Protein backbone atom coordinates (compact mmCIF):
# COMPACT_ATOMS: atom_id res chain seq x y z
CA MET A 1 87.50 82.38 80.27
CA SER A 2 85.14 85.19 79.39
CA THR A 3 86.16 88.84 79.60
CA ASP A 4 84.15 89.25 82.84
CA GLU A 5 85.82 86.20 84.36
CA LEU A 6 89.29 87.48 83.46
CA ARG A 7 88.44 90.92 84.88
CA ALA A 8 87.08 89.36 88.10
CA VAL A 9 90.23 87.28 88.58
CA GLU A 10 92.41 90.36 87.99
CA LEU A 11 90.43 92.41 90.53
CA LEU A 12 90.42 89.59 93.09
CA GLY A 13 94.21 89.49 92.85
CA ARG A 14 94.36 93.07 94.16
CA ILE A 15 93.15 92.23 97.65
CA PRO A 16 93.87 89.31 100.00
CA TYR A 17 90.51 88.78 101.77
CA GLY A 18 86.85 88.42 100.90
CA ARG A 19 83.66 86.83 102.20
CA LEU A 20 82.44 83.27 101.77
CA ALA A 21 78.64 82.91 101.75
CA MET A 22 77.08 79.53 102.47
CA SER A 23 74.14 77.86 104.11
CA MET A 24 74.50 76.22 107.53
CA ARG A 25 71.50 74.27 108.81
CA ALA A 26 69.33 76.01 106.18
CA MET A 27 70.41 79.48 107.35
CA PRO A 28 72.55 81.89 105.30
CA PHE A 29 75.99 82.55 106.75
CA VAL A 30 78.98 84.72 105.76
CA VAL A 31 82.58 84.28 106.93
CA PRO A 32 85.81 86.14 106.02
CA ALA A 33 88.46 84.14 104.17
CA ARG A 34 91.91 84.57 102.60
CA HIS A 35 92.03 83.75 98.88
CA ILE A 36 94.28 83.11 95.91
CA VAL A 37 93.33 82.30 92.33
CA VAL A 38 94.80 79.14 90.78
CA ASP A 39 94.03 78.28 87.15
CA GLY A 40 90.72 80.18 87.25
CA ARG A 41 89.63 78.55 90.52
CA VAL A 42 89.33 80.42 93.80
CA VAL A 43 91.23 78.73 96.64
CA LEU A 44 90.32 79.82 100.17
CA ARG A 45 92.03 79.49 103.55
CA LEU A 46 89.65 79.24 106.53
CA HIS A 47 89.93 78.42 110.23
CA ALA A 48 89.21 74.69 110.61
CA ALA A 49 87.98 74.87 114.20
CA PHE A 50 84.65 76.42 113.23
CA ASP A 51 83.80 73.60 110.77
CA TYR A 52 82.53 76.06 108.14
CA HIS A 53 84.31 74.00 105.51
CA ARG A 54 82.12 71.00 106.33
CA ALA A 55 79.00 73.01 105.45
CA CYS A 56 80.61 73.98 102.13
CA CYS A 57 81.98 70.69 100.81
CA GLY A 58 79.97 69.58 97.81
CA SER A 59 77.62 72.56 98.15
CA VAL A 60 77.12 75.64 96.03
CA VAL A 61 78.68 78.68 97.72
CA ALA A 62 79.46 82.25 96.78
CA TYR A 63 82.69 84.12 97.38
CA GLY A 64 82.82 87.87 97.06
CA ALA A 65 85.43 90.56 97.47
CA ASP A 66 85.50 94.29 96.86
CA ASN A 67 87.30 97.57 97.36
CA LEU A 68 84.21 99.41 98.61
CA ASN A 69 86.00 100.87 101.66
CA SER A 70 89.14 101.84 99.78
CA GLY A 71 88.28 105.48 99.18
CA SER A 72 88.95 104.96 95.48
CA ALA A 73 86.84 106.81 92.92
CA ALA A 74 86.58 103.52 90.96
CA LEU A 75 84.83 100.98 93.17
CA TRP A 76 84.35 97.32 92.27
CA SER A 77 82.85 94.13 93.61
CA VAL A 78 83.27 90.58 92.31
CA GLN A 79 81.41 87.39 93.11
CA PHE A 80 82.21 83.80 92.21
CA THR A 81 79.47 81.19 92.60
CA GLY A 82 80.19 77.49 92.32
CA THR A 83 80.68 74.18 94.06
CA ALA A 84 83.22 74.03 96.91
CA GLU A 85 85.53 71.14 97.73
CA THR A 86 88.33 70.77 100.27
CA VAL A 87 91.81 70.75 98.73
CA ARG A 88 95.42 70.40 99.77
CA PRO A 89 97.37 73.31 98.23
CA SER A 90 100.82 72.78 96.77
CA ALA A 91 103.87 74.26 98.49
CA THR A 92 103.89 77.10 95.96
CA GLU A 93 100.21 77.84 96.60
CA LEU A 94 100.79 77.84 100.36
CA GLN A 95 103.54 80.43 99.88
CA ARG A 96 101.13 82.60 97.88
CA PHE A 97 98.74 82.67 100.84
CA GLY A 98 101.47 84.28 102.95
CA ARG A 99 101.69 84.21 106.71
CA GLN A 100 98.74 82.75 108.50
CA PRO A 101 97.26 84.28 111.64
CA HIS A 102 98.29 82.91 115.02
CA ARG A 103 94.82 83.06 116.55
CA ILE A 104 91.23 83.44 115.37
CA ASP A 105 88.64 84.46 117.95
CA GLY A 106 91.04 83.39 120.71
CA GLN A 107 91.69 79.94 119.24
CA GLU A 108 94.94 78.72 117.71
CA PHE A 109 94.58 79.00 113.94
CA ARG A 110 94.33 75.69 112.08
CA PRO A 111 94.02 76.19 108.33
CA VAL A 112 91.68 74.32 106.05
CA TYR A 113 91.47 74.99 102.32
CA LEU A 114 88.49 75.09 99.98
CA CYS A 115 88.45 75.37 96.21
CA ILE A 116 85.55 76.95 94.35
CA GLU A 117 85.13 76.01 90.71
CA PRO A 118 83.20 79.08 89.49
CA HIS A 119 80.04 78.47 87.49
CA PHE A 120 78.94 82.11 87.60
CA VAL A 121 81.15 85.17 87.87
CA THR A 122 79.81 88.67 88.43
CA VAL A 123 81.67 91.98 88.27
CA HIS A 124 80.11 95.27 89.38
CA THR A 125 81.85 98.63 89.08
CA VAL A 126 80.92 102.07 90.39
CA ASP A 127 82.71 105.10 89.00
CA HIS A 128 82.37 108.44 90.77
CA LEU A 129 83.21 111.68 89.08
CA GLU A 130 85.76 113.49 91.22
CA GLU A 131 83.65 116.68 91.55
CA HIS A 132 80.64 114.66 92.83
CA ARG A 133 82.74 112.60 95.20
CA SER A 134 84.21 115.62 96.99
CA ARG A 135 80.72 117.03 97.75
CA HIS A 136 79.65 113.81 99.52
CA THR A 137 82.64 112.99 101.68
CA ALA A 138 82.46 113.62 105.39
């Protein structure tokens, strides 16, 4: 793995959720997802009832996560782009995902898992000097 890829994986491990971007019926679409990183691959947990995973299987997707709303002076954003496939996580991987929600948009949560084998990894960072940051906060 390159230095950027290692940095992206490390940053992704700091937060549990991100956004999966895909195309559904030729239209761009973004959905929140829970993630873990396994051997350099991003494994996602989605709600099966919406069938988003069907639009992703075998297609190129992007998964991004960030700390942009954290209030930190050091902001970051990562994006993984690659082909998605459905997977069945191991028992250990399922434990790493933690508790699953009971309901999503009023429906009983049924998990489905996707794996993204990254072909491109992007890391963006924004560092604010503390004296500038304090002048611009509300």
